[in-house]
Amino acid sequence: MFPLLKTSDLVQFIPMGNHVVPPIAAPIPLVGKSMQTFYGMPICLMGDEIPSFLRVPLPYTAPPFATPGMGKLVVVPPPTHYSTTYTESYRPALLMGPPFTAQFIVNAPATMQAGPATIPDPVVTKSFTVQYISTTPTYLIL
């Protein structure tokens, strides 16, 4: 059993390569949408895996491609990250679980100048290791 996640717990994205996505460079607080609270904070449910401001296209760079490109973060935790005993409105609670991999799908590649030519980043999928960090690693039995 893994610790239950709640508002103020963190999600951390560790790049698997030299790419940088500035909005996710540091750990980011989660925002739970449950009516149930834990330590006074709403519990995170399926759908709360990343904050809503990360669901839009995000800028990135990948040296030597210094002119930023854009892409979308795709985070799909494995089943071990969801409670089998607690659900709310048919959505299971989100659990800390082991690290897993997320994808960043490039829709406008970063570029670099090579004389008069502009060269785009040829790698259209970037990977990240995702780790949830509980600020109160305590188990909730429901």
Protein backbone atom coordinates (compact mmCIF):
# COMPACT_ATOMS: atom_id res chain seq x y z
CA MET A 1 0.00 0.00 0.00
CA PHE A 2 1.28 3.44 -0.92
CA PRO A 3 0.60 6.81 0.75
CA LEU A 4 -2.47 8.69 -0.39
CA LEU A 5 -1.78 11.94 -2.28
CA LYS A 6 -3.47 15.23 -1.42
CA THR A 7 -3.33 18.92 -2.27
CA SER A 8 0.18 20.30 -1.53
CA ASP A 9 1.94 16.98 -2.22
CA LEU A 10 4.38 17.28 -5.10
CA VAL A 11 4.99 15.84 -8.56
CA GLN A 12 8.55 15.88 -9.87
CA PHE A 13 9.61 15.41 -13.51
CA ILE A 14 13.18 14.23 -14.12
CA PRO A 15 14.25 14.49 -17.79
CA MET A 16 15.62 11.34 -19.40
CA GLY A 17 17.93 13.28 -21.72
CA ASN A 18 19.20 16.83 -22.15
CA HIS A 19 15.80 18.44 -22.80
CA VAL A 20 14.45 21.16 -20.53
CA VAL A 21 10.80 22.09 -20.01
CA PRO A 22 10.99 25.19 -17.74
CA PRO A 23 7.45 24.92 -16.23
CA ILE A 24 8.30 21.46 -14.84
CA ALA A 25 11.96 22.00 -13.89
CA ALA A 26 11.11 22.10 -10.15
CA PRO A 27 8.65 19.94 -8.17
CA ILE A 28 5.07 21.19 -8.55
CA PRO A 29 2.26 21.03 -5.95
CA LEU A 30 -0.72 18.82 -6.75
CA VAL A 31 -4.30 20.09 -6.48
CA GLY A 32 -6.81 17.51 -5.23
CA LYS A 33 -10.46 17.82 -6.18
CA SER A 34 -12.01 15.39 -3.69
CA MET A 35 -14.64 16.42 -1.15
CA GLN A 36 -12.80 14.15 1.33
CA THR A 37 -9.82 15.73 3.11
CA PHE A 38 -6.65 14.27 4.58
CA TYR A 39 -4.60 16.46 6.94
CA GLY A 40 -7.07 19.21 6.06
CA MET A 41 -6.32 19.06 2.32
CA PRO A 42 -8.50 17.61 -0.46
CA ILE A 43 -7.46 14.12 -1.60
CA CYS A 44 -6.18 13.73 -5.18
CA LEU A 45 -8.31 11.56 -7.45
CA MET A 46 -7.87 10.12 -10.93
CA GLY A 47 -7.60 13.20 -13.13
CA ASP A 48 -5.52 15.12 -10.57
CA GLU A 49 -2.20 13.55 -11.71
CA ILE A 50 -0.88 16.94 -12.83
CA PRO A 51 -2.12 20.49 -12.14
CA SER A 52 -4.38 21.94 -14.83
CA PHE A 53 -1.83 24.58 -15.93
CA LEU A 54 0.39 21.73 -17.23
CA ARG A 55 -2.33 20.40 -19.56
CA VAL A 56 -1.62 23.07 -22.19
CA PRO A 57 1.29 23.18 -24.68
CA LEU A 58 4.56 23.93 -22.85
CA PRO A 59 7.85 25.40 -24.12
CA TYR A 60 11.01 23.28 -24.23
CA THR A 61 14.60 23.39 -25.41
CA ALA A 62 17.03 20.56 -26.10
CA PRO A 63 20.65 21.64 -26.62
CA PRO A 64 21.93 22.49 -29.19
CA PHE A 65 18.41 23.53 -30.27
CA ALA A 66 18.29 26.83 -28.35
CA THR A 67 15.21 28.41 -29.96
CA PRO A 68 12.30 27.01 -27.90
CA GLY A 69 9.73 24.63 -29.29
CA MET A 70 6.37 23.54 -27.87
CA GLY A 71 4.93 20.22 -26.78
CA LYS A 72 2.33 18.54 -24.63
CA LEU A 73 2.99 16.56 -21.45
CA VAL A 74 1.29 13.13 -21.32
CA VAL A 75 1.16 11.64 -17.82
CA VAL A 76 -0.52 8.24 -17.40
CA PRO A 77 0.36 6.59 -14.08
CA PRO A 78 0.26 2.79 -13.91
CA PRO A 79 -2.61 1.06 -12.04
CA THR A 80 -0.48 0.82 -8.86
CA HIS A 81 -0.99 4.58 -8.43
CA TYR A 82 -4.74 4.26 -7.88
CA SER A 83 -6.61 3.03 -4.83
CA THR A 84 -8.66 -0.13 -5.19
CA THR A 85 -10.60 0.63 -2.02
CA TYR A 86 -11.48 4.36 -2.17
CA THR A 87 -13.35 6.02 -5.01
CA GLU A 88 -15.34 9.21 -5.26
CA SER A 89 -17.74 9.76 -8.17
CA TYR A 90 -16.25 6.62 -9.78
CA ARG A 91 -12.74 8.12 -9.61
CA PRO A 92 -10.17 6.23 -7.48
CA ALA A 93 -7.86 8.07 -5.10
CA LEU A 94 -4.34 8.79 -6.37
CA LEU A 95 -1.51 7.04 -4.50
CA MET A 96 2.20 7.86 -4.37
CA GLY A 97 3.51 4.61 -5.94
CA PRO A 98 6.89 3.96 -7.55
CA PRO A 99 8.42 6.22 -10.24
CA PHE A 100 7.06 5.83 -13.78
CA THR A 101 7.67 7.32 -17.24
CA ALA A 102 5.75 10.20 -18.85
CA GLN A 103 6.04 11.48 -22.41
CA PHE A 104 6.42 14.98 -23.78
CA ILE A 105 5.07 15.03 -27.33
CA VAL A 106 6.63 17.78 -29.46
CA ASN A 107 4.18 19.62 -31.75
CA ALA A 108 6.54 22.50 -32.74
CA PRO A 109 10.20 21.47 -32.59
CA ALA A 110 12.94 23.55 -31.01
CA THR A 111 15.38 24.83 -33.61
CA MET A 112 18.94 26.00 -34.08
CA GLN A 113 20.49 28.30 -36.64
CA ALA A 114 23.23 26.87 -38.86
CA GLY A 115 24.18 29.79 -41.06
CA PRO A 116 21.15 30.69 -43.17
CA ALA A 117 19.42 27.37 -42.41
CA THR A 118 17.11 26.62 -39.48
CA ILE A 119 17.46 23.05 -38.25
CA PRO A 120 14.60 21.50 -36.21
CA ASP A 121 15.04 19.09 -33.31
CA PRO A 122 14.50 15.62 -34.87
CA VAL A 123 13.35 13.95 -31.62
CA VAL A 124 9.58 14.34 -31.38
CA THR A 125 9.03 12.42 -28.12
CA LYS A 126 10.89 13.29 -24.92
CA SER A 127 10.72 11.13 -21.78
CA PHE A 128 10.59 12.01 -18.10
CA THR A 129 10.70 9.95 -14.93
CA VAL A 130 7.76 11.02 -12.77
CA GLN A 131 7.85 10.77 -8.99
CA TYR A 132 5.11 11.80 -6.60
CA ILE A 133 6.37 13.17 -3.29
CA SER A 134 4.15 13.01 -0.24
CA THR A 135 4.64 15.85 2.25
CA THR A 136 3.06 13.68 4.95
CA PRO A 137 3.94 10.06 4.10
CA THR A 138 1.15 8.54 6.14
CA TYR A 139 -1.28 5.89 5.04
CA LEU A 140 -5.03 6.50 5.11
CA ILE A 141 -7.22 3.47 5.62
CA LEU A 142 -10.68 4.02 4.19
